Amino acid sequence: MSRRPVVTEEALELLGSTGLQHDRAQLAIVAALTGAEPEPVEARLDDASRTLFGAGALGVREQAGALATALTDRLALQALGGEHRALLIDEALVRREAHPLLIAVIGHELARRAGLRSFVGSIGPRHWTVLQAEGESALVGCEVLERPPSSATVRPRCAHEVAGTILKALRLLGPRAWGAPIDELLAALPLHGGRGRGEPPEL
């Protein structure tokens, strides 16, 4: 992580593209800031997702249980806030410590690879992987709700929006040398909900 940040045109074009997937956005961020290669992350996600193959035949609650097991047992992830390395997908998978928002992203990517319907959703500053099947939803994440929320309560967050939130948090928590490259990456993202790049992250 001592390499100077290098923001490529490819990364900027990717972050500004339509149909951006969460894993591609997070991999673009770590590649620009730390020079990390995508292959180890992709292999780790692919391997963990295999435990969910066939889960599409289950009810949404059973799917949620299988996904939670993949996150906590297969990947052994624990929630950690206030640490910039917990916001970098490669570091989080190796250290097994990830910010709750990144855990929601990883959960979604495991589900997507296994063919399950899912999205990253939030209620205020809290985030989950949201699974959907047969008109029902289930939330998987670091916090257990006393009662299931209504579908209108959970707000889907696209890959651009999540990338912006993570970049803003990294600007606050990461090395000072990352400031200018992060601003360049943020400028490539489409704006969502009127959030300017100077506003604090929703974490």
N, C-alpha and C. Protein backbone atom coordinates (compact mmCIF):
# COMPACT_ATOMS: atom_id res chain seq x y z
N MET A 1 0.81 -1.20 0.00
CA MET A 1 0.00 0.00 0.00
C MET A 1 0.85 1.26 0.00
N SER A 2 2.18 1.12 -0.27
CA SER A 2 3.05 2.28 -0.27
C SER A 2 3.14 2.94 -1.65
N ARG A 3 2.60 2.29 -2.68
CA ARG A 3 2.67 2.84 -4.01
C ARG A 3 1.86 4.13 -4.10
N ARG A 4 2.37 5.09 -4.87
CA ARG A 4 1.63 6.33 -5.07
C ARG A 4 0.37 6.04 -5.86
N PRO A 5 -0.75 6.69 -5.53
CA PRO A 5 -1.99 6.46 -6.26
C PRO A 5 -1.85 6.85 -7.74
N VAL A 6 -2.42 6.02 -8.61
CA VAL A 6 -2.41 6.29 -10.04
C VAL A 6 -3.83 6.13 -10.56
N VAL A 7 -4.42 7.23 -10.97
CA VAL A 7 -5.78 7.20 -11.49
C VAL A 7 -5.70 7.14 -13.01
N THR A 8 -6.17 6.04 -13.59
CA THR A 8 -6.11 5.86 -15.04
C THR A 8 -7.41 6.31 -15.70
N GLU A 9 -7.32 6.58 -16.99
CA GLU A 9 -8.52 6.92 -17.76
C GLU A 9 -9.51 5.77 -17.75
N GLU A 10 -8.99 4.55 -17.74
CA GLU A 10 -9.86 3.37 -17.71
C GLU A 10 -10.70 3.36 -16.44
N ALA A 11 -10.07 3.69 -15.30
CA ALA A 11 -10.81 3.71 -14.04
C ALA A 11 -11.88 4.80 -14.06
N LEU A 12 -11.53 5.96 -14.59
CA LEU A 12 -12.50 7.05 -14.64
C LEU A 12 -13.68 6.71 -15.54
N GLU A 13 -13.39 6.10 -16.69
CA GLU A 13 -14.46 5.71 -17.60
C GLU A 13 -15.35 4.64 -16.97
N LEU A 14 -14.74 3.70 -16.27
CA LEU A 14 -15.51 2.64 -15.61
C LEU A 14 -16.45 3.21 -14.57
N LEU A 15 -15.95 4.09 -13.71
CA LEU A 15 -16.77 4.65 -12.64
C LEU A 15 -17.89 5.52 -13.18
N GLY A 16 -17.73 6.06 -14.37
CA GLY A 16 -18.78 6.88 -14.96
C GLY A 16 -19.72 6.12 -15.88
N SER A 17 -19.49 4.81 -16.04
CA SER A 17 -20.26 4.04 -17.00
C SER A 17 -21.61 3.61 -16.46
N THR A 18 -22.53 3.36 -17.36
CA THR A 18 -23.84 2.83 -16.97
C THR A 18 -23.72 1.33 -16.73
N GLY A 19 -24.64 0.79 -15.91
CA GLY A 19 -24.63 -0.64 -15.62
C GLY A 19 -23.45 -1.09 -14.79
N LEU A 20 -22.83 -0.18 -14.06
CA LEU A 20 -21.66 -0.51 -13.24
C LEU A 20 -22.04 -1.50 -12.14
N GLN A 21 -21.25 -2.55 -12.01
CA GLN A 21 -21.45 -3.52 -10.93
C GLN A 21 -20.63 -3.10 -9.71
N HIS A 22 -21.11 -3.51 -8.53
CA HIS A 22 -20.45 -3.11 -7.29
C HIS A 22 -19.00 -3.61 -7.22
N ASP A 23 -18.76 -4.86 -7.63
CA ASP A 23 -17.40 -5.37 -7.51
C ASP A 23 -16.44 -4.62 -8.42
N ARG A 24 -16.89 -4.26 -9.64
CA ARG A 24 -16.01 -3.53 -10.55
C ARG A 24 -15.68 -2.15 -10.00
N ALA A 25 -16.66 -1.50 -9.39
CA ALA A 25 -16.42 -0.18 -8.80
C ALA A 25 -15.40 -0.26 -7.67
N GLN A 26 -15.56 -1.23 -6.77
CA GLN A 26 -14.64 -1.35 -5.64
C GLN A 26 -13.24 -1.74 -6.09
N LEU A 27 -13.16 -2.60 -7.09
CA LEU A 27 -11.85 -2.99 -7.61
C LEU A 27 -11.16 -1.82 -8.30
N ALA A 28 -11.92 -0.96 -8.96
CA ALA A 28 -11.33 0.23 -9.59
C ALA A 28 -10.76 1.17 -8.53
N ILE A 29 -11.47 1.28 -7.40
CA ILE A 29 -11.00 2.15 -6.32
C ILE A 29 -9.67 1.65 -5.76
N VAL A 30 -9.59 0.36 -5.42
CA VAL A 30 -8.35 -0.14 -4.82
C VAL A 30 -7.21 -0.16 -5.83
N ALA A 31 -7.52 -0.40 -7.10
CA ALA A 31 -6.46 -0.38 -8.11
C ALA A 31 -5.86 1.02 -8.23
N ALA A 32 -6.71 2.04 -8.19
CA ALA A 32 -6.22 3.41 -8.30
C ALA A 32 -5.42 3.85 -7.08
N LEU A 33 -5.90 3.47 -5.89
CA LEU A 33 -5.28 3.97 -4.66
C LEU A 33 -4.09 3.15 -4.20
N THR A 34 -4.13 1.84 -4.44
CA THR A 34 -3.07 0.98 -3.88
C THR A 34 -2.36 0.13 -4.93
N GLY A 35 -2.89 0.07 -6.15
CA GLY A 35 -2.28 -0.75 -7.17
C GLY A 35 -2.63 -2.22 -7.06
N ALA A 36 -3.60 -2.57 -6.24
CA ALA A 36 -3.98 -3.97 -6.03
C ALA A 36 -4.56 -4.56 -7.32
N GLU A 37 -4.21 -5.81 -7.59
CA GLU A 37 -4.73 -6.52 -8.75
C GLU A 37 -6.10 -7.11 -8.43
N PRO A 38 -6.99 -7.19 -9.44
CA PRO A 38 -8.34 -7.67 -9.18
C PRO A 38 -8.46 -9.18 -9.01
N GLU A 39 -7.54 -9.95 -9.59
CA GLU A 39 -7.71 -11.40 -9.65
C GLU A 39 -7.88 -12.08 -8.29
N PRO A 40 -7.08 -11.75 -7.26
CA PRO A 40 -7.28 -12.41 -5.96
C PRO A 40 -8.65 -12.14 -5.35
N VAL A 41 -9.15 -10.92 -5.51
CA VAL A 41 -10.47 -10.58 -4.98
C VAL A 41 -11.55 -11.35 -5.73
N GLU A 42 -11.46 -11.36 -7.05
CA GLU A 42 -12.45 -12.06 -7.86
C GLU A 42 -12.46 -13.55 -7.53
N ALA A 43 -11.27 -14.14 -7.36
CA ALA A 43 -11.20 -15.56 -7.04
C ALA A 43 -11.81 -15.86 -5.67
N ARG A 44 -11.58 -14.97 -4.72
CA ARG A 44 -12.14 -15.16 -3.37
C ARG A 44 -13.66 -15.08 -3.40
N LEU A 45 -14.19 -14.11 -4.13
CA LEU A 45 -15.64 -13.97 -4.23
C LEU A 45 -16.25 -15.14 -4.99
N ASP A 46 -15.61 -15.55 -6.07
CA ASP A 46 -16.12 -16.68 -6.85
C ASP A 46 -16.16 -17.95 -5.99
N ASP A 47 -15.11 -18.18 -5.23
CA ASP A 47 -15.03 -19.38 -4.40
C ASP A 47 -16.12 -19.38 -3.33
N ALA A 48 -16.28 -18.25 -2.65
CA ALA A 48 -17.28 -18.17 -1.57
C ALA A 48 -18.70 -18.29 -2.11
N SER A 49 -18.92 -17.80 -3.32
CA SER A 49 -20.27 -17.83 -3.89
C SER A 49 -20.71 -19.25 -4.23
N ARG A 50 -19.77 -20.17 -4.40
CA ARG A 50 -20.14 -21.54 -4.77
C ARG A 50 -20.98 -22.22 -3.69
N THR A 51 -20.84 -21.76 -2.45
CA THR A 51 -21.65 -22.35 -1.37
C THR A 51 -23.13 -21.98 -1.53
N LEU A 52 -23.43 -21.00 -2.38
CA LEU A 52 -24.80 -20.56 -2.59
C LEU A 52 -25.42 -21.13 -3.86
N PHE A 53 -24.65 -21.87 -4.64
CA PHE A 53 -25.20 -22.44 -5.87
C PHE A 53 -26.36 -23.37 -5.52
N GLY A 54 -27.46 -23.19 -6.20
CA GLY A 54 -28.65 -23.99 -5.93
C GLY A 54 -29.58 -23.37 -4.91
N ALA A 55 -29.14 -22.29 -4.25
CA ALA A 55 -29.97 -21.66 -3.21
C ALA A 55 -31.19 -20.97 -3.80
N GLY A 56 -31.18 -20.74 -5.11
CA GLY A 56 -32.34 -20.11 -5.73
C GLY A 56 -33.61 -20.93 -5.60
N ALA A 57 -33.47 -22.23 -5.35
CA ALA A 57 -34.64 -23.10 -5.17
C ALA A 57 -35.22 -22.99 -3.76
N LEU A 58 -34.53 -22.30 -2.87
CA LEU A 58 -34.97 -22.16 -1.48
C LEU A 58 -35.85 -20.92 -1.31
N GLY A 59 -36.53 -20.84 -0.19
CA GLY A 59 -37.25 -19.63 0.17
C GLY A 59 -36.28 -18.53 0.53
N VAL A 60 -36.76 -17.30 0.56
CA VAL A 60 -35.86 -16.17 0.78
C VAL A 60 -35.21 -16.21 2.16
N ARG A 61 -35.90 -16.74 3.18
CA ARG A 61 -35.30 -16.83 4.51
C ARG A 61 -34.13 -17.82 4.51
N GLU A 62 -34.33 -18.94 3.82
CA GLU A 62 -33.25 -19.93 3.73
C GLU A 62 -32.08 -19.38 2.93
N GLN A 63 -32.39 -18.63 1.88
CA GLN A 63 -31.31 -17.98 1.12
C GLN A 63 -30.51 -17.04 2.01
N ALA A 64 -31.22 -16.27 2.83
CA ALA A 64 -30.55 -15.33 3.73
C ALA A 64 -29.65 -16.07 4.71
N GLY A 65 -30.13 -17.19 5.23
CA GLY A 65 -29.30 -17.97 6.16
C GLY A 65 -28.05 -18.50 5.49
N ALA A 66 -28.18 -18.96 4.24
CA ALA A 66 -27.03 -19.47 3.52
C ALA A 66 -26.03 -18.36 3.21
N LEU A 67 -26.53 -17.18 2.87
CA LEU A 67 -25.64 -16.05 2.59
C LEU A 67 -24.93 -15.61 3.86
N ALA A 68 -25.64 -15.53 4.96
CA ALA A 68 -25.02 -15.15 6.24
C ALA A 68 -23.91 -16.13 6.60
N THR A 69 -24.14 -17.41 6.36
CA THR A 69 -23.11 -18.41 6.64
C THR A 69 -21.89 -18.22 5.75
N ALA A 70 -22.11 -17.89 4.48
CA ALA A 70 -20.99 -17.65 3.57
C ALA A 70 -20.15 -16.46 4.03
N LEU A 71 -20.82 -15.42 4.52
CA LEU A 71 -20.10 -14.22 4.96
C LEU A 71 -19.35 -14.45 6.26
N THR A 72 -19.98 -15.14 7.21
CA THR A 72 -19.39 -15.26 8.54
C THR A 72 -18.50 -16.48 8.69
N ASP A 73 -18.79 -17.56 7.95
CA ASP A 73 -17.99 -18.78 8.08
C ASP A 73 -16.98 -18.91 6.93
N ARG A 74 -17.47 -18.87 5.72
CA ARG A 74 -16.57 -19.06 4.57
C ARG A 74 -15.56 -17.92 4.47
N LEU A 75 -16.04 -16.68 4.56
CA LEU A 75 -15.14 -15.52 4.47
C LEU A 75 -14.69 -15.02 5.84
N ALA A 76 -15.38 -15.45 6.90
CA ALA A 76 -15.02 -15.08 8.28
C ALA A 76 -14.95 -13.57 8.47
N LEU A 77 -15.89 -12.84 7.87
CA LEU A 77 -15.87 -11.38 7.96
C LEU A 77 -16.44 -10.90 9.29
N GLN A 78 -15.80 -9.90 9.85
CA GLN A 78 -16.28 -9.21 11.03
C GLN A 78 -16.43 -7.73 10.71
N ALA A 79 -17.41 -7.11 11.31
CA ALA A 79 -17.67 -5.69 11.05
C ALA A 79 -16.63 -4.83 11.76
N LEU A 80 -16.15 -3.81 11.06
CA LEU A 80 -15.19 -2.87 11.63
C LEU A 80 -15.41 -1.51 11.00
N GLY A 81 -15.61 -0.50 11.81
CA GLY A 81 -15.75 0.86 11.33
C GLY A 81 -14.57 1.72 11.76
N GLY A 82 -14.42 2.89 11.14
CA GLY A 82 -13.39 3.84 11.54
C GLY A 82 -11.98 3.49 11.12
N GLU A 83 -11.82 2.54 10.20
CA GLU A 83 -10.51 2.09 9.74
C GLU A 83 -10.52 2.05 8.22
N HIS A 84 -9.59 2.76 7.58
CA HIS A 84 -9.67 2.88 6.12
C HIS A 84 -9.47 1.55 5.42
N ARG A 85 -8.68 0.64 6.00
CA ARG A 85 -8.45 -0.65 5.35
C ARG A 85 -9.71 -1.51 5.30
N ALA A 86 -10.65 -1.24 6.21
CA ALA A 86 -11.92 -1.97 6.21
C ALA A 86 -12.84 -1.50 5.09
N LEU A 87 -12.45 -0.44 4.38
CA LEU A 87 -13.23 0.09 3.26
C LEU A 87 -12.63 -0.29 1.91
N LEU A 88 -11.51 -1.02 1.92
CA LEU A 88 -10.87 -1.49 0.69
C LEU A 88 -11.17 -2.97 0.54
N ILE A 89 -11.80 -3.37 -0.54
CA ILE A 89 -12.31 -4.72 -0.65
C ILE A 89 -11.22 -5.79 -0.58
N ASP A 90 -10.05 -5.50 -1.13
CA ASP A 90 -8.97 -6.50 -1.06
C ASP A 90 -8.46 -6.66 0.36
N GLU A 91 -8.23 -5.55 1.04
CA GLU A 91 -7.75 -5.59 2.42
C GLU A 91 -8.79 -6.24 3.35
N ALA A 92 -10.05 -5.90 3.12
CA ALA A 92 -11.12 -6.44 3.98
C ALA A 92 -11.19 -7.95 3.88
N LEU A 93 -11.05 -8.49 2.67
CA LEU A 93 -11.13 -9.94 2.51
C LEU A 93 -9.92 -10.65 3.12
N VAL A 94 -8.75 -10.04 3.02
CA VAL A 94 -7.55 -10.64 3.58
C VAL A 94 -7.54 -10.54 5.11
N ARG A 95 -7.86 -9.37 5.62
CA ARG A 95 -7.85 -9.14 7.06
C ARG A 95 -9.11 -9.67 7.75
N ARG A 96 -10.14 -9.96 6.96
CA ARG A 96 -11.42 -10.46 7.46
C ARG A 96 -12.12 -9.45 8.37
N GLU A 97 -11.89 -8.20 8.07
CA GLU A 97 -12.54 -7.10 8.77
C GLU A 97 -13.02 -6.10 7.72
N ALA A 98 -14.32 -5.83 7.73
CA ALA A 98 -14.88 -4.96 6.69
C ALA A 98 -15.91 -4.02 7.30
N HIS A 99 -16.00 -2.84 6.72
CA HIS A 99 -17.06 -1.91 7.11
C HIS A 99 -18.41 -2.54 6.77
N PRO A 100 -19.45 -2.31 7.58
CA PRO A 100 -20.77 -2.88 7.28
C PRO A 100 -21.27 -2.60 5.86
N LEU A 101 -20.97 -1.42 5.31
CA LEU A 101 -21.38 -1.14 3.93
C LEU A 101 -20.66 -2.07 2.96
N LEU A 102 -19.38 -2.31 3.19
CA LEU A 102 -18.63 -3.19 2.31
C LEU A 102 -19.09 -4.64 2.48
N ILE A 103 -19.49 -5.03 3.67
CA ILE A 103 -20.05 -6.36 3.88
C ILE A 103 -21.33 -6.52 3.07
N ALA A 104 -22.14 -5.47 3.02
CA ALA A 104 -23.36 -5.52 2.21
C ALA A 104 -23.02 -5.67 0.73
N VAL A 105 -21.98 -4.99 0.28
CA VAL A 105 -21.53 -5.10 -1.11
C VAL A 105 -21.04 -6.51 -1.39
N ILE A 106 -20.22 -7.05 -0.50
CA ILE A 106 -19.69 -8.40 -0.70
C ILE A 106 -20.83 -9.42 -0.70
N GLY A 107 -21.78 -9.26 0.21
CA GLY A 107 -22.93 -10.15 0.24
C GLY A 107 -23.70 -10.13 -1.07
N HIS A 108 -23.92 -8.94 -1.60
CA HIS A 108 -24.61 -8.80 -2.88
C HIS A 108 -23.83 -9.50 -3.99
N GLU A 109 -22.52 -9.33 -4.00
CA GLU A 109 -21.72 -9.94 -5.05
C GLU A 109 -21.73 -11.46 -4.96
N LEU A 110 -21.74 -12.02 -3.75
CA LEU A 110 -21.85 -13.47 -3.61
C LEU A 110 -23.21 -13.94 -4.15
N ALA A 111 -24.26 -13.23 -3.76
CA ALA A 111 -25.61 -13.60 -4.20
C ALA A 111 -25.73 -13.48 -5.72
N ARG A 112 -25.22 -12.40 -6.27
CA ARG A 112 -25.32 -12.19 -7.73
C ARG A 112 -24.60 -13.29 -8.49
N ARG A 113 -23.43 -13.69 -8.01
CA ARG A 113 -22.69 -14.76 -8.67
C ARG A 113 -23.44 -16.09 -8.63
N ALA A 114 -24.25 -16.28 -7.59
CA ALA A 114 -25.01 -17.52 -7.44
C ALA A 114 -26.39 -17.44 -8.10
N GLY A 115 -26.67 -16.34 -8.78
CA GLY A 115 -27.94 -16.20 -9.49
C GLY A 115 -29.11 -15.82 -8.62
N LEU A 116 -28.85 -15.30 -7.42
CA LEU A 116 -29.92 -14.87 -6.53
C LEU A 116 -30.25 -13.40 -6.80
N ARG A 117 -31.50 -13.03 -6.61
CA ARG A 117 -31.92 -11.64 -6.77
C ARG A 117 -31.54 -10.86 -5.51
N SER A 118 -30.74 -9.83 -5.68
CA SER A 118 -30.29 -9.07 -4.51
C SER A 118 -29.91 -7.65 -4.90
N PHE A 119 -29.81 -6.80 -3.89
CA PHE A 119 -29.28 -5.45 -4.09
C PHE A 119 -28.72 -4.96 -2.76
N VAL A 120 -27.91 -3.93 -2.82
CA VAL A 120 -27.41 -3.27 -1.61
C VAL A 120 -28.46 -2.25 -1.20
N GLY A 121 -28.97 -2.36 0.02
CA GLY A 121 -30.02 -1.47 0.49
C GLY A 121 -29.64 -0.79 1.79
N SER A 122 -30.26 0.34 2.05
CA SER A 122 -29.96 1.08 3.27
C SER A 122 -31.24 1.60 3.91
N ILE A 123 -31.17 1.74 5.22
CA ILE A 123 -32.17 2.46 5.99
C ILE A 123 -31.38 3.50 6.78
N GLY A 124 -31.44 4.75 6.35
CA GLY A 124 -30.57 5.77 6.94
C GLY A 124 -29.12 5.39 6.67
N PRO A 125 -28.27 5.41 7.71
CA PRO A 125 -26.85 5.10 7.51
C PRO A 125 -26.53 3.60 7.60
N ARG A 126 -27.53 2.76 7.81
CA ARG A 126 -27.30 1.33 7.97
C ARG A 126 -27.51 0.59 6.65
N HIS A 127 -26.70 -0.45 6.42
CA HIS A 127 -26.70 -1.12 5.13
C HIS A 127 -26.83 -2.63 5.28
N TRP A 128 -27.49 -3.23 4.28
CA TRP A 128 -27.65 -4.67 4.23
C TRP A 128 -27.58 -5.14 2.78
N THR A 129 -27.35 -6.45 2.62
CA THR A 129 -27.67 -7.11 1.36
C THR A 129 -29.13 -7.49 1.43
N VAL A 130 -29.90 -7.10 0.45
CA VAL A 130 -31.33 -7.40 0.42
C VAL A 130 -31.58 -8.49 -0.62
N LEU A 131 -32.12 -9.62 -0.17
CA LEU A 131 -32.48 -10.73 -1.05
C LEU A 131 -33.97 -10.68 -1.34
N GLN A 132 -34.35 -11.05 -2.55
CA GLN A 132 -35.76 -11.04 -2.95
C GLN A 132 -36.10 -12.35 -3.65
N ALA A 133 -37.26 -12.90 -3.30
CA ALA A 133 -37.73 -14.12 -3.96
C ALA A 133 -39.22 -14.28 -3.69
N GLU A 134 -39.97 -14.54 -4.75
CA GLU A 134 -41.41 -14.81 -4.65
C GLU A 134 -42.16 -13.73 -3.86
N GLY A 135 -41.83 -12.47 -4.13
CA GLY A 135 -42.52 -11.36 -3.49
C GLY A 135 -42.12 -11.08 -2.07
N GLU A 136 -41.11 -11.77 -1.56
CA GLU A 136 -40.63 -11.56 -0.19
C GLU A 136 -39.21 -11.05 -0.21
N SER A 137 -38.81 -10.40 0.88
CA SER A 137 -37.45 -9.88 1.02
C SER A 137 -36.86 -10.32 2.34
N ALA A 138 -35.54 -10.40 2.37
CA ALA A 138 -34.81 -10.69 3.61
C ALA A 138 -33.53 -9.88 3.61
N LEU A 139 -33.17 -9.35 4.76
CA LEU A 139 -31.97 -8.52 4.90
C LEU A 139 -30.87 -9.31 5.57
N VAL A 140 -29.67 -9.23 5.00
CA VAL A 140 -28.49 -9.88 5.57
C VAL A 140 -27.44 -8.81 5.82
N GLY A 141 -26.96 -8.73 7.05
CA GLY A 141 -25.96 -7.72 7.36
C GLY A 141 -25.51 -7.80 8.80
N CYS A 142 -24.96 -6.70 9.29
CA CYS A 142 -24.35 -6.69 10.60
C CYS A 142 -25.33 -6.34 11.71
N GLU A 143 -26.53 -5.96 11.36
CA GLU A 143 -27.49 -5.53 12.35
C GLU A 143 -28.81 -6.26 12.16
N VAL A 144 -29.38 -6.75 13.24
CA VAL A 144 -30.65 -7.45 13.20
C VAL A 144 -31.76 -6.48 13.57
N LEU A 145 -32.78 -6.40 12.73
CA LEU A 145 -33.91 -5.52 13.00
C LEU A 145 -34.96 -6.25 13.82
N GLU A 146 -35.65 -5.53 14.70
CA GLU A 146 -36.67 -6.14 15.53
C GLU A 146 -37.85 -6.64 14.70
N ARG A 147 -38.15 -5.93 13.62
CA ARG A 147 -39.24 -6.33 12.74
C ARG A 147 -38.83 -6.09 11.30
N PRO A 148 -39.29 -6.93 10.38
CA PRO A 148 -38.93 -6.75 8.97
C PRO A 148 -39.41 -5.39 8.46
N PRO A 149 -38.56 -4.64 7.78
CA PRO A 149 -38.98 -3.34 7.24
C PRO A 149 -39.84 -3.53 6.00
N SER A 150 -40.64 -2.52 5.69
CA SER A 150 -41.41 -2.55 4.46
C SER A 150 -40.47 -2.28 3.29
N SER A 151 -40.88 -2.72 2.11
CA SER A 151 -40.05 -2.51 0.93
C SER A 151 -39.84 -1.03 0.65
N ALA A 152 -40.80 -0.20 1.07
CA ALA A 152 -40.67 1.25 0.85
C ALA A 152 -39.64 1.87 1.78
N THR A 153 -39.30 1.18 2.87
CA THR A 153 -38.37 1.72 3.85
C THR A 153 -36.92 1.54 3.42
N VAL A 154 -36.63 0.44 2.73
CA VAL A 154 -35.27 0.11 2.33
C VAL A 154 -34.96 0.77 0.99
N ARG A 155 -33.91 1.58 0.95
CA ARG A 155 -33.55 2.31 -0.27
C ARG A 155 -32.43 1.58 -1.01
N PRO A 156 -32.65 1.15 -2.24
CA PRO A 156 -31.57 0.55 -3.02
C PRO A 156 -30.46 1.57 -3.26
N ARG A 157 -29.22 1.09 -3.24
CA ARG A 157 -28.08 1.95 -3.51
C ARG A 157 -27.27 1.35 -4.65
N CYS A 158 -27.14 2.10 -5.72
CA CYS A 158 -26.43 1.60 -6.90
C CYS A 158 -24.93 1.64 -6.66
N ALA A 159 -24.20 1.03 -7.59
CA ALA A 159 -22.75 0.94 -7.45
C ALA A 159 -22.07 2.30 -7.46
N HIS A 160 -22.61 3.24 -8.25
CA HIS A 160 -22.04 4.60 -8.28
C HIS A 160 -22.19 5.26 -6.91
N GLU A 161 -23.36 5.12 -6.33
CA GLU A 161 -23.63 5.79 -5.06
C GLU A 161 -22.78 5.20 -3.94
N VAL A 162 -22.69 3.86 -3.90
CA VAL A 162 -21.88 3.22 -2.89
C VAL A 162 -20.41 3.59 -3.05
N ALA A 163 -19.94 3.61 -4.29
CA ALA A 163 -18.54 4.01 -4.53
C ALA A 163 -18.28 5.42 -4.03
N GLY A 164 -19.24 6.32 -4.26
CA GLY A 164 -19.07 7.68 -3.77
C GLY A 164 -19.01 7.75 -2.26
N THR A 165 -19.86 6.98 -1.60
CA THR A 165 -19.85 6.96 -0.13
C THR A 165 -18.53 6.43 0.41
N ILE A 166 -18.05 5.36 -0.18
CA ILE A 166 -16.78 4.78 0.28
C ILE A 166 -15.61 5.70 -0.02
N LEU A 167 -15.61 6.33 -1.17
CA LEU A 167 -14.52 7.27 -1.49
C LEU A 167 -14.49 8.44 -0.52
N LYS A 168 -15.65 8.96 -0.16
CA LYS A 168 -15.69 10.08 0.79
C LYS A 168 -15.18 9.65 2.16
N ALA A 169 -15.51 8.42 2.56
CA ALA A 169 -15.00 7.92 3.84
C ALA A 169 -13.49 7.71 3.78
N LEU A 170 -13.00 7.21 2.66
CA LEU A 170 -11.56 7.02 2.50
C LEU A 170 -10.81 8.35 2.51
N ARG A 171 -11.45 9.40 2.00
CA ARG A 171 -10.81 10.71 2.03
C ARG A 171 -10.65 11.19 3.47
N LEU A 172 -11.59 10.84 4.33
CA LEU A 172 -11.52 11.22 5.74
C LEU A 172 -10.56 10.35 6.54
N LEU A 173 -10.53 9.05 6.22
CA LEU A 173 -9.81 8.09 7.06
C LEU A 173 -8.47 7.65 6.49
N GLY A 174 -8.29 7.79 5.18
CA GLY A 174 -7.10 7.27 4.53
C GLY A 174 -5.92 8.22 4.58
N PRO A 175 -4.80 7.80 3.98
CA PRO A 175 -3.60 8.66 3.94
C PRO A 175 -3.89 9.99 3.26
N ARG A 176 -3.20 11.02 3.68
CA ARG A 176 -3.41 12.35 3.12
C ARG A 176 -3.11 12.40 1.62
N ALA A 177 -2.17 11.57 1.18
CA ALA A 177 -1.80 11.55 -0.24
C ALA A 177 -2.93 11.06 -1.13
N TRP A 178 -3.95 10.45 -0.55
CA TRP A 178 -5.07 9.95 -1.34
C TRP A 178 -6.09 11.03 -1.67
N GLY A 179 -5.97 12.20 -1.06
CA GLY A 179 -6.99 13.24 -1.20
C GLY A 179 -7.27 13.62 -2.64
N ALA A 180 -6.24 14.02 -3.39
CA ALA A 180 -6.43 14.46 -4.77
C ALA A 180 -6.91 13.33 -5.68
N PRO A 181 -6.32 12.13 -5.60
CA PRO A 181 -6.83 11.03 -6.44
C PRO A 181 -8.29 10.68 -6.13
N ILE A 182 -8.66 10.73 -4.87
CA ILE A 182 -10.05 10.43 -4.50
C ILE A 182 -10.98 11.48 -5.11
N ASP A 183 -10.59 12.74 -5.05
CA ASP A 183 -11.42 13.79 -5.67
C ASP A 183 -11.57 13.55 -7.17
N GLU A 184 -10.52 13.07 -7.81
CA GLU A 184 -10.58 12.79 -9.24
C GLU A 184 -11.54 11.63 -9.52
N LEU A 185 -11.49 10.60 -8.68
CA LEU A 185 -12.40 9.46 -8.84
C LEU A 185 -13.85 9.88 -8.57
N LEU A 186 -14.04 10.71 -7.55
CA LEU A 186 -15.39 11.20 -7.24
C LEU A 186 -15.97 12.01 -8.40
N ALA A 187 -15.13 12.79 -9.03
CA ALA A 187 -15.61 13.64 -10.12
C ALA A 187 -16.09 12.82 -11.32
N ALA A 188 -15.62 11.57 -11.40
CA ALA A 188 -16.03 10.71 -12.51
C ALA A 188 -17.39 10.08 -12.29
N LEU A 189 -17.86 10.08 -11.03
CA LEU A 189 -19.13 9.44 -10.71
C LEU A 189 -20.32 10.33 -11.04
N PRO A 190 -21.39 9.75 -11.58
CA PRO A 190 -22.62 10.54 -11.73
C PRO A 190 -23.13 10.94 -10.36
N LEU A 191 -23.74 12.10 -10.26
CA LEU A 191 -24.28 12.53 -8.98
C LEU A 191 -25.60 11.84 -8.72
N HIS A 192 -25.84 11.51 -7.44
CA HIS A 192 -27.08 10.85 -7.05
C HIS A 192 -27.72 11.61 -5.91
N GLY A 193 -29.01 11.87 -6.03
CA GLY A 193 -29.75 12.49 -4.94
C GLY A 193 -29.26 13.86 -4.56
N GLY A 194 -28.57 14.53 -5.48
CA GLY A 194 -28.11 15.88 -5.19
C GLY A 194 -26.92 15.95 -4.26
N ARG A 195 -26.22 14.81 -4.04
CA ARG A 195 -25.08 14.81 -3.13
C ARG A 195 -23.85 15.34 -3.85
N GLY A 196 -23.31 16.41 -3.38
CA GLY A 196 -22.07 16.91 -3.93
C GLY A 196 -20.91 16.14 -3.35
N ARG A 197 -19.75 16.22 -4.02
CA ARG A 197 -18.63 15.42 -3.54
C ARG A 197 -18.05 15.98 -2.25
N GLY A 198 -18.41 17.20 -1.88
CA GLY A 198 -17.87 17.75 -0.65
C GLY A 198 -18.65 17.40 0.58
N GLU A 199 -19.82 16.73 0.45
CA GLU A 199 -20.63 16.41 1.60
C GLU A 199 -20.12 15.15 2.28
N PRO A 200 -20.37 14.99 3.59
CA PRO A 200 -19.87 13.82 4.31
C PRO A 200 -20.54 12.54 3.84
N PRO A 201 -19.84 11.39 4.00
CA PRO A 201 -20.43 10.12 3.59
C PRO A 201 -21.53 9.68 4.52
N GLU A 202 -22.48 8.91 4.00
CA GLU A 202 -23.54 8.33 4.82
C GLU A 202 -23.07 6.99 5.33
N LEU A 203 -22.34 6.98 6.43
CA LEU A 203 -21.82 5.75 7.01
C LEU A 203 -22.24 5.65 8.48
